[in-house]
Amino acid sequence: MANTVNALNKKITLEQALSYMEDGMTIMFGGFGGVGNPPSLIEGMLQKGLKNLTLIGNDAGFPHIGVGKLVSEGRVKKLIASHIGSNPVAGKLMTEGKLEVEFSPQGTLAERIRAGGVGLGGILVDSGIGNPFVEKGKEKVIVNGKTFLLETPLTADIAIVCGHTADHFGNLTYNTSARNTNPLVSMAGRVTIAEVDQIVETGALSPEEIVTPGVFVNAVVQSEGVNWKWAWEEK
């Protein structure tokens, strides 16, 4: 993507963004319970028929909201998340052996994503010490006499994030609580695509309001209006 997108004008069409996504990819997403999931990109992924995906993000959404739609339609082979309770379809698929789920406590998950984004080799946590299920397969590290579990960093082929405003360079602002995990996710993709409500000229955003610098963003897509608020109201 770096060779095909103008570094000074990263705006591309939804169709161009989807052209970088393929079956079997690992895709990281921002959002919490559907809020902050990029709606047009997710709808486009459904329409494209992508399958056998590994998804990394906070949760499984709801059956008909956000990334939950990908999970509910069986497009996901593995999900790395902090919980799936809001999407009963995910629980059913996991129980049936049709969906592999790797759980991380929410704070640990966020730090694993951050570690991947900034190039750390991992993080040390004490959550789960003494629990055979949590400890399984993880290296233990002793620091100053205290035992920690080594949690590995998380990265993805593509990170999809949902912003409020972007300029042509990819600097991003977010809309209140829809910010949630998006700034962390934006750093952890080999390619990061941001879907936003509006795109302005570079220089129009005040430096103080920019949350994610454009250096982390490879492409910007104008949202096509599949707003998460409308999705909630419809249900």
Protein backbone atom coordinates (compact mmCIF):
# COMPACT_ATOMS: atom_id res chain seq x y z
CA MET A 1 0.00 0.00 0.00
CA ALA A 2 2.87 2.35 0.73
CA ASN A 3 3.76 2.29 -2.97
CA THR A 4 0.22 2.95 -4.19
CA VAL A 5 -1.09 5.65 -1.84
CA ASN A 6 0.13 9.23 -2.02
CA ALA A 7 1.88 9.88 1.29
CA LEU A 8 0.50 13.43 1.34
CA ASN A 9 -3.03 12.48 0.33
CA LYS A 10 -4.04 9.12 1.76
CA LYS A 11 -7.72 9.29 0.86
CA ILE A 12 -8.85 6.19 -1.03
CA THR A 13 -12.20 4.66 -1.93
CA LEU A 14 -13.86 1.89 0.04
CA GLU A 15 -13.32 -0.44 -2.92
CA GLN A 16 -9.59 0.34 -2.92
CA ALA A 17 -9.40 -0.33 0.82
CA LEU A 18 -11.12 -3.68 0.44
CA SER A 19 -8.70 -4.68 -2.31
CA TYR A 20 -5.98 -5.05 0.33
CA MET A 21 -8.01 -7.57 2.32
CA GLU A 22 -7.86 -11.28 1.54
CA ASP A 23 -9.18 -14.53 2.98
CA GLY A 24 -7.17 -15.84 5.90
CA MET A 25 -5.73 -12.49 6.96
CA THR A 26 -5.28 -11.30 10.53
CA ILE A 27 -7.30 -8.13 10.96
CA MET A 28 -7.25 -5.98 14.09
CA PHE A 29 -10.18 -3.68 14.80
CA GLY A 30 -10.93 -0.81 17.11
CA GLY A 31 -14.14 -0.56 19.08
CA PHE A 32 -16.01 -1.61 22.19
CA GLY A 33 -19.32 -3.42 21.84
CA GLY A 34 -19.65 -2.14 18.31
CA VAL A 35 -19.02 1.48 19.28
CA GLY A 36 -15.89 2.55 17.40
CA ASN A 37 -16.02 -0.32 14.90
CA PRO A 38 -15.60 1.05 11.34
CA PRO A 39 -19.06 0.28 9.88
CA SER A 40 -18.49 0.75 6.15
CA LEU A 41 -15.31 -1.31 6.13
CA ILE A 42 -17.01 -4.14 8.02
CA GLU A 43 -20.02 -4.06 5.70
CA GLY A 44 -17.64 -4.10 2.75
CA MET A 45 -15.82 -7.12 4.18
CA LEU A 46 -19.15 -8.93 4.42
CA GLN A 47 -20.11 -8.01 0.87
CA LYS A 48 -16.70 -9.13 -0.42
CA GLY A 49 -17.22 -12.53 1.18
CA LEU A 50 -14.02 -12.57 3.20
CA LYS A 51 -13.61 -15.72 5.30
CA ASN A 52 -11.20 -17.68 7.51
CA LEU A 53 -10.20 -14.45 9.22
CA THR A 54 -8.34 -14.02 12.49
CA LEU A 55 -9.78 -11.00 14.29
CA ILE A 56 -8.11 -9.14 17.15
CA GLY A 57 -10.09 -6.66 19.20
CA ASN A 58 -11.83 -5.97 22.45
CA ASP A 59 -14.90 -8.18 21.97
CA ALA A 60 -17.19 -10.04 19.59
CA GLY A 61 -19.63 -7.17 19.25
CA PHE A 62 -23.33 -8.02 19.07
CA PRO A 63 -24.86 -10.48 16.58
CA HIS A 64 -25.98 -7.74 14.19
CA ILE A 65 -23.73 -4.85 15.21
CA GLY A 66 -20.10 -4.12 14.31
CA VAL A 67 -17.65 -7.00 13.98
CA GLY A 68 -20.33 -9.23 15.47
CA LYS A 69 -21.79 -9.55 11.98
CA LEU A 70 -18.57 -11.12 10.70
CA VAL A 71 -18.52 -13.54 13.62
CA SER A 72 -22.21 -14.40 13.30
CA GLU A 73 -21.87 -15.22 9.61
CA GLY A 74 -19.02 -17.64 10.27
CA ARG A 75 -16.35 -15.57 8.53
CA VAL A 76 -13.96 -15.78 11.49
CA LYS A 77 -11.83 -18.82 12.34
CA LYS A 78 -10.10 -17.27 15.38
CA LEU A 79 -10.88 -14.37 17.67
CA ILE A 80 -8.47 -12.81 20.16
CA ALA A 81 -10.56 -10.72 22.56
CA SER A 82 -11.28 -9.87 26.17
CA HIS A 83 -14.84 -11.24 26.14
CA ILE A 84 -17.57 -12.58 23.83
CA GLY A 85 -20.56 -12.42 26.16
CA SER A 86 -22.40 -9.75 24.20
CA ASN A 87 -22.60 -12.03 21.16
CA PRO A 88 -24.29 -15.37 21.96
CA VAL A 89 -23.54 -16.58 18.42
CA ALA A 90 -19.82 -16.40 19.21
CA GLY A 91 -20.33 -18.54 22.31
CA LYS A 92 -22.31 -21.09 20.32
CA LEU A 93 -19.66 -21.28 17.60
CA MET A 94 -16.91 -21.65 20.19
CA THR A 95 -18.78 -24.45 21.98
CA GLU A 96 -19.31 -26.23 18.66
CA GLY A 97 -15.61 -25.99 17.85
CA LYS A 98 -16.23 -23.72 14.87
CA LEU A 99 -14.53 -20.65 16.36
CA GLU A 100 -11.23 -20.60 18.21
CA VAL A 101 -11.20 -17.96 20.94
CA GLU A 102 -8.11 -16.70 22.77
CA PHE A 103 -9.06 -14.66 25.82
CA SER A 104 -6.97 -11.89 27.34
CA PRO A 105 -8.09 -9.68 30.23
CA GLN A 106 -9.05 -6.30 28.82
CA GLY A 107 -6.07 -4.43 30.23
CA THR A 108 -3.67 -7.17 29.15
CA LEU A 109 -5.18 -7.18 25.65
CA ALA A 110 -4.79 -3.42 25.34
CA GLU A 111 -1.17 -3.62 26.47
CA ARG A 112 -0.43 -6.49 24.08
CA ILE A 113 -1.75 -4.36 21.21
CA ARG A 114 0.26 -1.37 22.40
CA ALA A 115 3.37 -3.54 22.68
CA GLY A 116 2.89 -4.71 19.11
CA GLY A 117 2.44 -1.15 17.93
CA VAL A 118 5.57 0.23 19.55
CA GLY A 119 7.78 -2.78 18.86
CA LEU A 120 8.14 -4.27 22.34
CA GLY A 121 8.96 -7.95 22.76
CA GLY A 122 6.11 -8.48 25.19
CA ILE A 123 4.69 -7.37 28.54
CA LEU A 124 4.91 -8.81 32.05
CA VAL A 125 1.67 -9.28 33.99
CA ASP A 126 0.71 -11.02 37.22
CA SER A 127 -2.92 -11.58 36.21
CA GLY A 128 -3.56 -15.31 36.08
CA ILE A 129 -0.59 -16.44 38.14
CA GLY A 130 -1.55 -19.75 39.77
CA ASN A 131 -4.29 -20.48 37.24
CA PRO A 132 -3.23 -23.48 35.11
CA PHE A 133 -5.59 -22.47 32.29
CA VAL A 134 -4.16 -18.96 32.07
CA GLU A 135 -0.54 -20.03 32.59
CA LYS A 136 -0.61 -22.75 29.93
CA GLY A 137 2.07 -22.22 27.30
CA LYS A 138 3.31 -18.93 28.76
CA GLU A 139 6.82 -18.20 29.92
CA LYS A 140 7.31 -17.11 33.52
CA VAL A 141 9.73 -14.31 34.35
CA ILE A 142 10.95 -13.39 37.84
CA VAL A 143 11.68 -9.70 38.48
CA ASN A 144 12.87 -8.59 41.94
CA GLY A 145 11.60 -11.83 43.41
CA LYS A 146 8.10 -11.53 41.90
CA THR A 147 6.79 -13.90 39.23
CA PHE A 148 5.14 -12.59 36.08
CA LEU A 149 3.70 -14.13 32.94
CA LEU A 150 5.19 -13.01 29.64
CA GLU A 151 2.36 -11.96 27.31
CA THR A 152 3.32 -11.68 23.66
CA PRO A 153 2.65 -8.56 21.56
CA LEU A 154 -0.16 -8.47 19.02
CA THR A 155 0.05 -7.18 15.45
CA ALA A 156 -2.03 -7.70 12.33
CA ASP A 157 -1.84 -7.71 8.56
CA ILE A 158 -4.40 -4.92 8.53
CA ALA A 159 -5.76 -2.68 11.28
CA ILE A 160 -9.14 -1.03 10.71
CA VAL A 161 -10.07 1.92 12.88
CA CYS A 162 -12.97 4.33 13.16
CA GLY A 163 -12.23 8.03 13.55
CA HIS A 164 -14.30 11.19 13.49
CA THR A 165 -12.15 13.50 11.36
CA ALA A 166 -9.03 12.93 9.31
CA ASP A 167 -6.92 15.21 7.17
CA HIS A 168 -5.35 14.05 3.93
CA PHE A 169 -2.16 12.99 5.72
CA GLY A 170 -4.12 10.67 8.00
CA ASN A 171 -4.03 12.59 11.27
CA LEU A 172 -7.08 11.43 13.25
CA THR A 173 -9.53 12.71 15.84
CA TYR A 174 -12.18 10.57 17.51
CA ASN A 175 -15.78 11.00 18.62
CA THR A 176 -16.05 10.84 22.42
CA SER A 177 -16.22 7.22 23.69
CA ALA A 178 -15.84 5.82 20.16
CA ARG A 179 -12.17 6.59 20.66
CA ASN A 180 -11.74 3.58 23.02
CA THR A 181 -9.14 1.14 21.60
CA ASN A 182 -8.78 2.77 18.18
CA PRO A 183 -5.58 4.75 18.93
CA LEU A 184 -3.83 1.58 20.09
CA VAL A 185 -5.07 -0.50 17.16
CA SER A 186 -3.98 2.16 14.67
CA MET A 187 -0.34 1.54 15.64
CA ALA A 188 -0.37 -2.24 15.42
CA GLY A 189 -1.27 -3.01 11.82
CA ARG A 190 1.20 -3.62 9.02
CA VAL A 191 -1.33 -1.55 7.07
CA THR A 192 -3.76 0.74 8.91
CA ILE A 193 -6.96 1.93 7.26
CA ALA A 194 -9.05 4.59 8.98
CA GLU A 195 -12.74 5.11 8.24
CA VAL A 196 -13.87 8.60 9.23
CA ASP A 197 -16.99 10.77 9.18
CA GLN A 198 -15.24 13.65 7.47
CA ILE A 199 -11.98 14.39 5.69
CA VAL A 200 -10.46 17.88 5.76
CA GLU A 201 -7.43 19.50 4.20
CA THR A 202 -4.07 18.85 5.86
CA GLY A 203 -3.46 21.69 8.30
CA ALA A 204 -7.13 22.18 9.12
CA LEU A 205 -6.84 20.18 12.36
CA SER A 206 -5.30 21.81 15.39
CA PRO A 207 -2.25 19.85 16.58
CA GLU A 208 -3.80 19.75 20.06
CA GLU A 209 -6.87 17.83 18.86
CA ILE A 210 -5.00 15.17 16.88
CA VAL A 211 -4.97 11.85 18.77
CA THR A 212 -3.43 9.51 16.19
CA PRO A 213 -0.62 11.04 14.08
CA GLY A 214 -0.86 10.35 10.36
CA VAL A 215 2.47 8.52 10.41
CA PHE A 216 0.57 5.48 11.74
CA VAL A 217 -2.15 5.62 9.07
CA ASN A 218 -1.69 4.27 5.56
CA ALA A 219 -5.08 5.16 4.10
CA VAL A 220 -8.26 7.08 4.90
CA VAL A 221 -11.76 6.10 3.76
CA GLN A 222 -14.85 8.30 3.86
CA SER A 223 -17.58 6.55 5.84
CA GLU A 224 -20.64 5.76 3.76
CA GLY A 225 -23.01 6.52 6.59
CA VAL A 226 -23.59 3.10 8.17
CA ASN A 227 -23.47 4.77 11.56
CA TRP A 228 -23.26 2.59 14.69
CA LYS A 229 -25.91 4.76 16.39
CA TRP A 230 -28.39 3.91 13.66
CA ALA A 231 -27.56 0.23 14.04
CA TRP A 232 -28.40 0.43 17.75
CA GLU A 233 -31.67 2.31 17.07
CA GLU A 234 -32.73 -0.28 14.49
CA LYS A 235 -32.40 -3.02 17.11
